[in-house]
Amino acid sequence: MRRTDRETTREEAWRIFDQSAYSVLSMSIRDIPYATALSVTRMDETLYFHCARDGEKIKAMRENPNVCLHSVAHMKNCAESFTVYYASCTIRGIAQEVVDEAERHRALLALCRT
């Protein structure tokens, strides 16, 4: 992170994530960047999102499971000082398909409540 003075704690990052309305998931398909906005839910420190059993997200995830998720909770445009103030967090990790039916069911219910 370039601006280490703006770095937050892990707990603060999770608070920002929890307050965000949506996140942007970034992936790579055959070395071509791919990003999509989606609803995400979390259980502890595991994140879940829904996707079709066949589509861009699942294809990208199977090819290269390294992902980056960016969430913005608050944004304030301050034109007079030529800046934007916002609270955001970036989460990097490994995506994997949920194959356990009980876990899938819990995740889908949690997504519906989000």
Protein backbone atom coordinates (compact mmCIF):
# COMPACT_ATOMS: atom_id res chain seq x y z
CA MET A 1 0.00 0.00 0.00
CA ARG A 2 1.44 3.34 -1.05
CA ARG A 3 -0.28 5.44 1.61
CA THR A 4 0.49 3.43 4.73
CA ASP A 5 -0.86 6.31 6.84
CA ARG A 6 -4.33 5.37 5.55
CA GLU A 7 -4.01 1.66 6.18
CA THR A 8 -6.61 0.24 8.57
CA THR A 9 -6.72 -2.70 10.91
CA ARG A 10 -8.13 -6.07 9.88
CA GLU A 11 -11.19 -5.41 12.07
CA GLU A 12 -11.78 -2.02 10.45
CA ALA A 13 -11.46 -3.56 6.99
CA TRP A 14 -14.15 -6.12 7.87
CA ARG A 15 -16.37 -3.30 9.21
CA ILE A 16 -15.96 -1.45 5.90
CA PHE A 17 -16.75 -4.63 3.98
CA ASP A 18 -19.86 -5.26 6.10
CA GLN A 19 -21.14 -1.72 5.40
CA SER A 20 -20.63 -1.85 1.64
CA ALA A 21 -23.65 -2.28 -0.62
CA TYR A 22 -21.75 -4.34 -3.19
CA SER A 23 -18.23 -5.34 -4.15
CA VAL A 24 -16.26 -5.61 -7.36
CA LEU A 25 -14.63 -8.97 -7.99
CA SER A 26 -11.55 -8.97 -10.23
CA MET A 27 -10.28 -12.11 -11.92
CA SER A 28 -8.34 -13.18 -14.98
CA ILE A 29 -9.52 -15.34 -17.88
CA ARG A 30 -6.70 -16.47 -20.16
CA ASP A 31 -4.62 -13.50 -18.92
CA ILE A 32 -7.43 -11.09 -19.81
CA PRO A 33 -8.69 -8.96 -16.88
CA TYR A 34 -12.31 -9.53 -15.84
CA ALA A 35 -14.22 -7.61 -13.18
CA THR A 36 -17.85 -7.68 -12.13
CA ALA A 37 -19.95 -6.06 -9.43
CA LEU A 38 -21.75 -8.50 -7.18
CA SER A 39 -23.38 -9.04 -3.83
CA VAL A 40 -21.19 -10.84 -1.35
CA THR A 41 -21.88 -12.21 2.09
CA ARG A 42 -19.50 -13.47 4.71
CA MET A 43 -19.51 -16.08 7.41
CA ASP A 44 -16.60 -15.37 9.74
CA GLU A 45 -13.77 -14.63 7.30
CA THR A 46 -15.11 -16.71 4.41
CA LEU A 47 -16.81 -14.77 1.61
CA TYR A 48 -19.55 -16.17 -0.60
CA PHE A 49 -21.07 -14.98 -3.87
CA HIS A 50 -23.49 -16.61 -6.27
CA CYS A 51 -22.71 -17.52 -9.84
CA ALA A 52 -24.13 -19.79 -12.50
CA ARG A 53 -22.74 -23.29 -12.86
CA ASP A 54 -21.48 -22.24 -16.30
CA GLY A 55 -20.43 -18.67 -17.01
CA GLU A 56 -17.58 -16.17 -16.93
CA LYS A 57 -17.01 -16.15 -13.15
CA ILE A 58 -16.90 -19.92 -12.74
CA LYS A 59 -14.71 -20.34 -15.84
CA ALA A 60 -12.27 -17.71 -14.57
CA MET A 61 -12.29 -19.18 -11.08
CA ARG A 62 -11.50 -22.66 -12.36
CA GLU A 63 -8.73 -21.39 -14.64
CA ASN A 64 -7.11 -19.05 -12.12
CA PRO A 65 -8.55 -19.02 -8.59
CA ASN A 66 -6.57 -15.93 -7.51
CA VAL A 67 -9.10 -13.14 -7.00
CA CYS A 68 -9.29 -9.61 -5.69
CA LEU A 69 -12.44 -8.13 -4.15
CA HIS A 70 -12.86 -4.38 -3.64
CA SER A 71 -15.62 -2.89 -1.48
CA VAL A 72 -16.48 0.77 -0.87
CA ALA A 73 -18.58 1.70 2.14
CA HIS A 74 -18.65 5.52 2.16
CA MET A 75 -17.79 8.12 -0.44
CA LYS A 76 -17.82 11.90 -0.29
CA ASN A 77 -16.88 14.04 -3.28
CA CYS A 78 -15.08 17.23 -2.23
CA ALA A 79 -14.80 19.21 -5.45
CA GLU A 80 -13.41 22.32 -3.71
CA SER A 81 -10.29 20.37 -2.69
CA PHE A 82 -10.20 18.20 -5.83
CA THR A 83 -10.47 14.95 -3.92
CA VAL A 84 -12.81 12.16 -2.94
CA TYR A 85 -12.94 10.76 0.57
CA TYR A 86 -14.00 7.15 0.88
CA ALA A 87 -13.68 4.09 3.05
CA SER A 88 -12.75 0.99 1.11
CA CYS A 89 -11.11 -2.35 1.57
CA THR A 90 -9.42 -4.78 -0.77
CA ILE A 91 -9.45 -8.49 -0.09
CA ARG A 92 -7.24 -10.90 -1.99
CA GLY A 93 -7.69 -14.63 -1.85
CA ILE A 94 -8.30 -17.93 -3.53
CA ALA A 95 -11.80 -18.61 -4.89
CA GLN A 96 -13.21 -22.09 -4.88
CA GLU A 97 -16.52 -23.61 -5.82
CA VAL A 98 -18.69 -24.72 -2.91
CA VAL A 99 -19.48 -28.38 -3.52
CA ASP A 100 -20.85 -29.32 -0.09
CA GLU A 101 -24.65 -29.01 -0.34
CA ALA A 102 -25.15 -28.01 3.31
CA GLU A 103 -22.55 -25.24 3.04
CA ARG A 104 -24.03 -24.10 -0.28
CA HIS A 105 -27.48 -23.91 1.31
CA ARG A 106 -26.17 -21.84 4.28
CA ALA A 107 -24.32 -19.51 1.91
CA LEU A 108 -27.38 -18.97 -0.31
CA LEU A 109 -29.54 -18.20 2.72
CA ALA A 110 -26.93 -15.73 3.96
CA LEU A 111 -26.84 -14.06 0.52
CA CYS A 112 -30.61 -13.69 0.59
CA ARG A 113 -30.35 -11.88 3.94
CA THR A 114 -27.61 -9.53 2.69
